[in-house]
Amino acid sequence: MKRFSLAVVAAVLAFSLSACGTSKQTQPPANQPSTGTTPSTGTTPSTGTTPSTGTAPSTETPSTTAPSGSYDAATAEALFKNTCAGCHGQSLEGAVGPNLQKIGSQLSKDQILSILQNGKGAMPAGLVKGSDADTIAAWLADKK
């Protein structure tokens, strides 16, 4: 009976840790205009203008440069949602992992980067690497 309980605890722990940071879902790019026209109105779905007028607004993606200016906030948020949100929540509210909504007031970018690279507590090391880790660390450091 003792072995069975230990096996159940180990399986639950392995399942919980494997769910952290292993999302393979990708977020669609933000502000991407759709192509084509709607059959009933002849207007483009993304702009609502008729193709014949040629007065469609610019479809360029607006800049989402971060407050610190060192990363693209939309990219950082997408990386976070695909890698970290399983444990820290979609809105950084915390779940299995701690709340990160104001982590920038407690830790610097370098400290956050160190945690991403080396792990801390139940968080394993290396879930995010290279420039992705740098981007997420800078984005979280701006959360104050």
N, C-alpha and C. Protein backbone atom coordinates (compact mmCIF):
# COMPACT_ATOMS: atom_id res chain seq x y z
N MET A 1 0.84 -1.20 0.00
CA MET A 1 0.00 0.00 0.00
C MET A 1 0.88 1.25 0.00
N LYS A 2 1.98 1.20 0.74
CA LYS A 2 2.88 2.35 0.81
C LYS A 2 3.50 2.64 -0.56
N ARG A 3 3.85 1.58 -1.28
CA ARG A 3 4.44 1.76 -2.60
C ARG A 3 3.42 2.36 -3.57
N PHE A 4 2.17 1.92 -3.47
CA PHE A 4 1.13 2.45 -4.34
C PHE A 4 0.93 3.95 -4.10
N SER A 5 0.89 4.37 -2.84
CA SER A 5 0.73 5.79 -2.52
C SER A 5 1.90 6.60 -3.05
N LEU A 6 3.09 6.07 -2.90
CA LEU A 6 4.29 6.76 -3.40
C LEU A 6 4.25 6.87 -4.92
N ALA A 7 3.79 5.82 -5.58
CA ALA A 7 3.70 5.84 -7.04
C ALA A 7 2.68 6.88 -7.50
N VAL A 8 1.55 6.99 -6.81
CA VAL A 8 0.53 7.96 -7.17
C VAL A 8 1.07 9.38 -6.98
N VAL A 9 1.74 9.64 -5.88
CA VAL A 9 2.32 10.96 -5.62
C VAL A 9 3.36 11.30 -6.68
N ALA A 10 4.19 10.35 -7.04
CA ALA A 10 5.22 10.58 -8.06
C ALA A 10 4.57 10.87 -9.42
N ALA A 11 3.52 10.14 -9.76
CA ALA A 11 2.85 10.36 -11.04
C ALA A 11 2.20 11.75 -11.10
N VAL A 12 1.55 12.15 -10.01
CA VAL A 12 0.93 13.47 -9.96
C VAL A 12 1.99 14.56 -10.07
N LEU A 13 3.09 14.41 -9.36
CA LEU A 13 4.18 15.39 -9.41
C LEU A 13 4.76 15.47 -10.82
N ALA A 14 5.00 14.33 -11.45
CA ALA A 14 5.56 14.32 -12.80
C ALA A 14 4.60 14.98 -13.78
N PHE A 15 3.32 14.69 -13.66
CA PHE A 15 2.33 15.30 -14.54
C PHE A 15 2.27 16.80 -14.34
N SER A 16 2.29 17.25 -13.10
CA SER A 16 2.21 18.69 -12.80
C SER A 16 3.41 19.43 -13.36
N LEU A 17 4.59 18.89 -13.18
CA LEU A 17 5.80 19.57 -13.67
C LEU A 17 5.91 19.51 -15.18
N SER A 18 5.43 18.43 -15.78
CA SER A 18 5.54 18.34 -17.23
C SER A 18 4.60 19.31 -17.92
N ALA A 19 3.54 19.72 -17.27
CA ALA A 19 2.60 20.67 -17.86
C ALA A 19 3.16 22.08 -17.87
N CYS A 20 4.11 22.38 -17.05
CA CYS A 20 4.66 23.72 -16.93
C CYS A 20 5.60 24.01 -18.09
N GLY A 21 5.18 24.92 -18.97
CA GLY A 21 6.07 25.37 -20.04
C GLY A 21 6.14 24.47 -21.25
N THR A 22 5.21 23.54 -21.42
CA THR A 22 5.30 22.66 -22.57
C THR A 22 4.19 22.88 -23.57
N SER A 23 3.54 24.01 -23.53
CA SER A 23 2.45 24.29 -24.45
C SER A 23 3.00 24.39 -25.87
N LYS A 24 2.39 23.68 -26.79
CA LYS A 24 2.80 23.72 -28.19
C LYS A 24 1.87 24.61 -29.00
N GLN A 25 0.91 25.26 -28.35
CA GLN A 25 0.00 26.13 -29.06
C GLN A 25 0.72 27.40 -29.45
N THR A 26 0.37 27.91 -30.61
CA THR A 26 0.94 29.18 -31.04
C THR A 26 -0.17 30.21 -31.11
N GLN A 27 0.15 31.40 -30.76
CA GLN A 27 -0.81 32.49 -30.81
C GLN A 27 -0.79 33.08 -32.21
N PRO A 28 -1.96 33.40 -32.76
CA PRO A 28 -1.96 34.07 -34.06
C PRO A 28 -1.37 35.46 -33.92
N PRO A 29 -0.71 35.94 -34.96
CA PRO A 29 -0.13 37.28 -34.88
C PRO A 29 -1.21 38.32 -34.61
N ALA A 30 -0.88 39.26 -33.77
CA ALA A 30 -1.82 40.32 -33.42
C ALA A 30 -1.99 41.28 -34.59
N ASN A 31 -3.19 41.82 -34.72
CA ASN A 31 -3.50 42.85 -35.72
C ASN A 31 -3.21 42.45 -37.16
N GLN A 32 -3.32 41.17 -37.47
CA GLN A 32 -3.12 40.74 -38.85
C GLN A 32 -4.41 40.97 -39.62
N PRO A 33 -4.35 41.69 -40.72
CA PRO A 33 -5.57 41.89 -41.51
C PRO A 33 -5.94 40.59 -42.22
N SER A 34 -7.23 40.33 -42.30
CA SER A 34 -7.65 39.16 -43.05
C SER A 34 -7.79 39.56 -44.51
N THR A 35 -7.72 38.57 -45.38
CA THR A 35 -7.80 38.86 -46.80
C THR A 35 -9.12 38.38 -47.35
N GLY A 36 -9.48 38.88 -48.48
CA GLY A 36 -10.72 38.48 -49.13
C GLY A 36 -11.84 39.46 -48.82
N THR A 37 -12.98 39.19 -49.44
CA THR A 37 -14.13 40.05 -49.23
C THR A 37 -15.29 39.21 -48.76
N THR A 38 -16.23 39.85 -48.11
CA THR A 38 -17.44 39.14 -47.71
C THR A 38 -18.37 39.12 -48.90
N PRO A 39 -19.00 37.97 -49.20
CA PRO A 39 -19.80 37.86 -50.40
C PRO A 39 -21.00 38.80 -50.42
N SER A 40 -21.66 39.02 -49.31
CA SER A 40 -22.90 39.78 -49.32
C SER A 40 -22.68 41.28 -49.43
N THR A 41 -21.57 41.82 -48.94
CA THR A 41 -21.40 43.26 -48.92
C THR A 41 -20.32 43.76 -49.86
N GLY A 42 -19.39 42.89 -50.26
CA GLY A 42 -18.29 43.33 -51.10
C GLY A 42 -17.28 44.17 -50.34
N THR A 43 -17.31 44.12 -49.00
CA THR A 43 -16.36 44.88 -48.21
C THR A 43 -15.31 43.96 -47.66
N THR A 44 -14.15 44.50 -47.39
CA THR A 44 -13.11 43.69 -46.78
C THR A 44 -13.40 43.57 -45.30
N PRO A 45 -13.31 42.34 -44.73
CA PRO A 45 -13.63 42.16 -43.33
C PRO A 45 -12.73 42.93 -42.38
N SER A 46 -11.46 43.12 -42.76
CA SER A 46 -10.54 43.76 -41.84
C SER A 46 -10.72 45.27 -41.75
N THR A 47 -11.21 45.91 -42.81
CA THR A 47 -11.30 47.36 -42.80
C THR A 47 -12.71 47.89 -42.93
N GLY A 48 -13.61 47.09 -43.52
CA GLY A 48 -14.98 47.55 -43.69
C GLY A 48 -15.14 48.51 -44.84
N THR A 49 -14.14 48.68 -45.68
CA THR A 49 -14.25 49.59 -46.82
C THR A 49 -14.44 48.80 -48.09
N THR A 50 -15.02 49.41 -49.08
CA THR A 50 -15.18 48.73 -50.35
C THR A 50 -13.87 48.80 -51.11
N PRO A 51 -13.55 47.72 -51.82
CA PRO A 51 -12.28 47.71 -52.54
C PRO A 51 -12.17 48.80 -53.59
N SER A 52 -13.28 49.27 -54.15
CA SER A 52 -13.22 50.25 -55.23
C SER A 52 -12.84 51.65 -54.76
N THR A 53 -13.04 51.97 -53.49
CA THR A 53 -12.75 53.32 -53.03
C THR A 53 -11.28 53.57 -52.82
N GLY A 54 -10.53 52.54 -52.47
CA GLY A 54 -9.10 52.71 -52.25
C GLY A 54 -8.78 53.56 -51.03
N THR A 55 -9.71 53.71 -50.10
CA THR A 55 -9.48 54.55 -48.94
C THR A 55 -9.29 53.72 -47.67
N ALA A 56 -8.81 52.51 -47.82
CA ALA A 56 -8.60 51.66 -46.65
C ALA A 56 -7.50 52.23 -45.78
N PRO A 57 -7.68 52.17 -44.47
CA PRO A 57 -6.62 52.66 -43.58
C PRO A 57 -5.40 51.77 -43.66
N SER A 58 -4.31 52.26 -43.19
CA SER A 58 -3.06 51.52 -43.19
C SER A 58 -3.22 50.23 -42.42
N THR A 59 -2.66 49.14 -42.95
CA THR A 59 -2.75 47.85 -42.28
C THR A 59 -1.45 47.48 -41.58
N GLU A 60 -0.55 48.43 -41.44
CA GLU A 60 0.70 48.15 -40.75
C GLU A 60 0.43 47.91 -39.28
N THR A 61 1.16 46.95 -38.71
CA THR A 61 1.02 46.65 -37.31
C THR A 61 1.63 47.78 -36.49
N PRO A 62 0.88 48.32 -35.51
CA PRO A 62 1.44 49.39 -34.71
C PRO A 62 2.60 48.89 -33.85
N SER A 63 3.50 49.77 -33.56
CA SER A 63 4.64 49.42 -32.74
C SER A 63 4.20 49.08 -31.32
N THR A 64 4.75 48.02 -30.80
CA THR A 64 4.43 47.63 -29.42
C THR A 64 5.71 47.61 -28.60
N THR A 65 6.54 48.61 -28.83
CA THR A 65 7.80 48.68 -28.09
C THR A 65 7.51 48.88 -26.61
N ALA A 66 8.27 48.20 -25.81
CA ALA A 66 8.06 48.20 -24.37
C ALA A 66 8.51 49.50 -23.72
N PRO A 67 8.08 49.72 -22.48
CA PRO A 67 8.50 50.92 -21.75
C PRO A 67 10.02 51.08 -21.69
N SER A 68 10.73 49.98 -21.49
CA SER A 68 12.19 50.09 -21.42
C SER A 68 12.81 50.18 -22.81
N GLY A 69 12.02 49.90 -23.85
CA GLY A 69 12.50 50.04 -25.22
C GLY A 69 13.41 48.93 -25.70
N SER A 70 13.60 47.87 -24.93
CA SER A 70 14.57 46.85 -25.30
C SER A 70 13.95 45.58 -25.88
N TYR A 71 12.64 45.53 -26.08
CA TYR A 71 11.98 44.33 -26.59
C TYR A 71 10.63 44.70 -27.16
N ASP A 72 10.05 43.78 -27.90
CA ASP A 72 8.71 43.95 -28.45
C ASP A 72 7.73 43.33 -27.46
N ALA A 73 6.83 44.13 -26.93
CA ALA A 73 5.92 43.67 -25.89
C ALA A 73 4.98 42.57 -26.38
N ALA A 74 4.52 42.66 -27.62
CA ALA A 74 3.62 41.63 -28.15
C ALA A 74 4.33 40.28 -28.25
N THR A 75 5.58 40.31 -28.69
CA THR A 75 6.36 39.08 -28.78
C THR A 75 6.59 38.50 -27.39
N ALA A 76 6.95 39.35 -26.44
CA ALA A 76 7.20 38.90 -25.07
C ALA A 76 5.94 38.27 -24.47
N GLU A 77 4.80 38.91 -24.69
CA GLU A 77 3.56 38.37 -24.14
C GLU A 77 3.21 37.03 -24.78
N ALA A 78 3.41 36.91 -26.08
CA ALA A 78 3.14 35.64 -26.76
C ALA A 78 4.06 34.54 -26.25
N LEU A 79 5.34 34.86 -26.07
CA LEU A 79 6.28 33.88 -25.51
C LEU A 79 5.85 33.44 -24.12
N PHE A 80 5.45 34.41 -23.29
CA PHE A 80 5.00 34.10 -21.94
C PHE A 80 3.78 33.17 -21.97
N LYS A 81 2.80 33.52 -22.80
CA LYS A 81 1.57 32.73 -22.85
C LYS A 81 1.82 31.32 -23.35
N ASN A 82 2.77 31.15 -24.27
CA ASN A 82 3.07 29.83 -24.80
C ASN A 82 3.96 29.00 -23.89
N THR A 83 4.73 29.63 -23.04
CA THR A 83 5.71 28.91 -22.25
C THR A 83 5.45 28.93 -20.75
N CYS A 84 4.98 30.04 -20.22
CA CYS A 84 4.93 30.25 -18.78
C CYS A 84 3.52 30.27 -18.18
N ALA A 85 2.53 30.60 -18.99
CA ALA A 85 1.18 30.82 -18.47
C ALA A 85 0.56 29.57 -17.87
N GLY A 86 1.01 28.40 -18.26
CA GLY A 86 0.48 27.17 -17.68
C GLY A 86 0.68 27.12 -16.18
N CYS A 87 1.74 27.70 -15.69
CA CYS A 87 2.03 27.71 -14.25
C CYS A 87 1.76 29.07 -13.60
N HIS A 88 1.95 30.14 -14.35
CA HIS A 88 1.84 31.49 -13.78
C HIS A 88 0.54 32.20 -14.14
N GLY A 89 -0.31 31.57 -14.96
CA GLY A 89 -1.60 32.15 -15.32
C GLY A 89 -1.52 33.05 -16.52
N GLN A 90 -2.60 33.11 -17.30
CA GLN A 90 -2.66 33.93 -18.51
C GLN A 90 -2.47 35.42 -18.22
N SER A 91 -2.88 35.86 -17.04
CA SER A 91 -2.77 37.27 -16.65
C SER A 91 -1.71 37.48 -15.58
N LEU A 92 -0.78 36.53 -15.47
CA LEU A 92 0.31 36.57 -14.50
C LEU A 92 -0.19 36.47 -13.06
N GLU A 93 -1.43 36.02 -12.87
CA GLU A 93 -2.05 36.00 -11.54
C GLU A 93 -1.52 34.89 -10.65
N GLY A 94 -0.79 33.96 -11.20
CA GLY A 94 -0.28 32.84 -10.42
C GLY A 94 -1.26 31.68 -10.46
N ALA A 95 -0.72 30.50 -10.46
CA ALA A 95 -1.51 29.26 -10.42
C ALA A 95 -0.66 28.27 -9.64
N VAL A 96 0.01 27.37 -10.35
CA VAL A 96 0.97 26.48 -9.70
C VAL A 96 2.20 27.31 -9.29
N GLY A 97 2.59 28.23 -10.16
CA GLY A 97 3.71 29.13 -9.89
C GLY A 97 3.21 30.42 -9.25
N PRO A 98 4.12 31.25 -8.79
CA PRO A 98 3.73 32.48 -8.09
C PRO A 98 3.15 33.56 -9.02
N ASN A 99 2.46 34.51 -8.41
CA ASN A 99 1.92 35.68 -9.09
C ASN A 99 3.09 36.53 -9.59
N LEU A 100 3.04 36.95 -10.85
CA LEU A 100 4.11 37.75 -11.44
C LEU A 100 3.65 39.14 -11.88
N GLN A 101 2.45 39.54 -11.46
CA GLN A 101 1.89 40.80 -11.93
C GLN A 101 2.75 42.02 -11.56
N LYS A 102 3.46 41.99 -10.46
CA LYS A 102 4.31 43.12 -10.04
C LYS A 102 5.72 42.65 -9.74
N ILE A 103 6.16 41.62 -10.46
CA ILE A 103 7.48 41.04 -10.18
C ILE A 103 8.62 42.02 -10.46
N GLY A 104 8.40 42.97 -11.38
CA GLY A 104 9.44 43.95 -11.69
C GLY A 104 9.75 44.89 -10.55
N SER A 105 8.84 45.02 -9.59
CA SER A 105 9.11 45.86 -8.42
C SER A 105 9.91 45.09 -7.37
N GLN A 106 10.04 43.77 -7.56
CA GLN A 106 10.78 42.95 -6.59
C GLN A 106 12.12 42.46 -7.14
N LEU A 107 12.16 42.19 -8.44
CA LEU A 107 13.37 41.63 -9.06
C LEU A 107 13.77 42.43 -10.29
N SER A 108 15.07 42.50 -10.54
CA SER A 108 15.58 43.17 -11.74
C SER A 108 15.51 42.21 -12.93
N LYS A 109 15.75 42.75 -14.12
CA LYS A 109 15.78 41.91 -15.32
C LYS A 109 16.82 40.81 -15.18
N ASP A 110 17.99 41.14 -14.67
CA ASP A 110 19.06 40.15 -14.53
C ASP A 110 18.69 39.05 -13.54
N GLN A 111 18.00 39.42 -12.45
CA GLN A 111 17.57 38.42 -11.48
C GLN A 111 16.52 37.49 -12.09
N ILE A 112 15.58 38.07 -12.85
CA ILE A 112 14.56 37.26 -13.51
C ILE A 112 15.20 36.34 -14.54
N LEU A 113 16.14 36.86 -15.31
CA LEU A 113 16.85 36.06 -16.30
C LEU A 113 17.58 34.90 -15.64
N SER A 114 18.18 35.15 -14.50
CA SER A 114 18.88 34.09 -13.75
C SER A 114 17.91 32.98 -13.33
N ILE A 115 16.71 33.37 -12.91
CA ILE A 115 15.71 32.37 -12.52
C ILE A 115 15.27 31.57 -13.74
N LEU A 116 15.09 32.23 -14.88
CA LEU A 116 14.71 31.52 -16.10
C LEU A 116 15.80 30.53 -16.52
N GLN A 117 17.05 30.91 -16.36
CA GLN A 117 18.16 30.06 -16.78
C GLN A 117 18.45 28.94 -15.79
N ASN A 118 18.34 29.24 -14.49
CA ASN A 118 18.75 28.28 -13.46
C ASN A 118 17.61 27.62 -12.71
N GLY A 119 16.40 28.12 -12.89
CA GLY A 119 15.27 27.57 -12.16
C GLY A 119 15.25 28.09 -10.73
N LYS A 120 14.13 27.85 -10.05
CA LYS A 120 14.00 28.25 -8.65
C LYS A 120 12.82 27.50 -8.06
N GLY A 121 13.02 26.90 -6.90
CA GLY A 121 11.95 26.14 -6.28
C GLY A 121 11.50 25.01 -7.20
N ALA A 122 10.20 24.94 -7.48
CA ALA A 122 9.66 23.88 -8.35
C ALA A 122 9.84 24.19 -9.83
N MET A 123 10.27 25.41 -10.16
CA MET A 123 10.45 25.77 -11.57
C MET A 123 11.76 25.21 -12.09
N PRO A 124 11.68 24.38 -13.14
CA PRO A 124 12.92 23.82 -13.68
C PRO A 124 13.71 24.85 -14.49
N ALA A 125 14.99 24.62 -14.61
CA ALA A 125 15.87 25.50 -15.38
C ALA A 125 15.66 25.30 -16.88
N GLY A 126 15.90 26.36 -17.64
CA GLY A 126 15.98 26.25 -19.08
C GLY A 126 14.68 26.06 -19.84
N LEU A 127 13.55 26.41 -19.27
CA LEU A 127 12.29 26.32 -20.03
C LEU A 127 12.29 27.29 -21.20
N VAL A 128 12.96 28.41 -21.01
CA VAL A 128 13.10 29.42 -22.06
C VAL A 128 14.60 29.71 -22.18
N LYS A 129 15.09 29.80 -23.41
CA LYS A 129 16.53 29.97 -23.59
C LYS A 129 16.84 31.12 -24.54
N GLY A 130 18.06 31.59 -24.47
CA GLY A 130 18.58 32.58 -25.41
C GLY A 130 17.84 33.90 -25.41
N SER A 131 17.58 34.40 -26.61
CA SER A 131 16.94 35.71 -26.74
C SER A 131 15.50 35.69 -26.25
N ASP A 132 14.84 34.52 -26.30
CA ASP A 132 13.48 34.41 -25.77
C ASP A 132 13.49 34.65 -24.25
N ALA A 133 14.47 34.09 -23.57
CA ALA A 133 14.58 34.31 -22.12
C ALA A 133 14.86 35.78 -21.82
N ASP A 134 15.71 36.39 -22.62
CA ASP A 134 16.01 37.82 -22.47
C ASP A 134 14.76 38.67 -22.65
N THR A 135 13.98 38.35 -23.66
CA THR A 135 12.75 39.10 -23.96
C THR A 135 11.75 38.97 -22.81
N ILE A 136 11.53 37.75 -22.33
CA ILE A 136 10.58 37.53 -21.24
C ILE A 136 11.07 38.21 -19.96
N ALA A 137 12.36 38.13 -19.69
CA ALA A 137 12.92 38.75 -18.48
C ALA A 137 12.73 40.26 -18.51
N ALA A 138 12.98 40.89 -19.65
CA ALA A 138 12.80 42.34 -19.77
C ALA A 138 11.33 42.71 -19.62
N TRP A 139 10.45 41.93 -20.22
CA TRP A 139 9.00 42.19 -20.14
C TRP A 139 8.52 42.07 -18.70
N LEU A 140 8.95 41.03 -18.01
CA LEU A 140 8.53 40.85 -16.62
C LEU A 140 9.14 41.95 -15.72
N ALA A 141 10.34 42.37 -16.02
CA ALA A 141 10.98 43.43 -15.21
C ALA A 141 10.21 44.74 -15.31
N ASP A 142 9.48 44.94 -16.40
CA ASP A 142 8.65 46.15 -16.53
C ASP A 142 7.31 46.04 -15.82
N LYS A 143 7.01 44.89 -15.28
CA LYS A 143 5.74 44.70 -14.53
C LYS A 143 5.94 45.20 -13.11
N LYS A 144 5.51 46.45 -12.87
CA LYS A 144 5.74 47.06 -11.56
C LYS A 144 4.45 47.54 -10.95
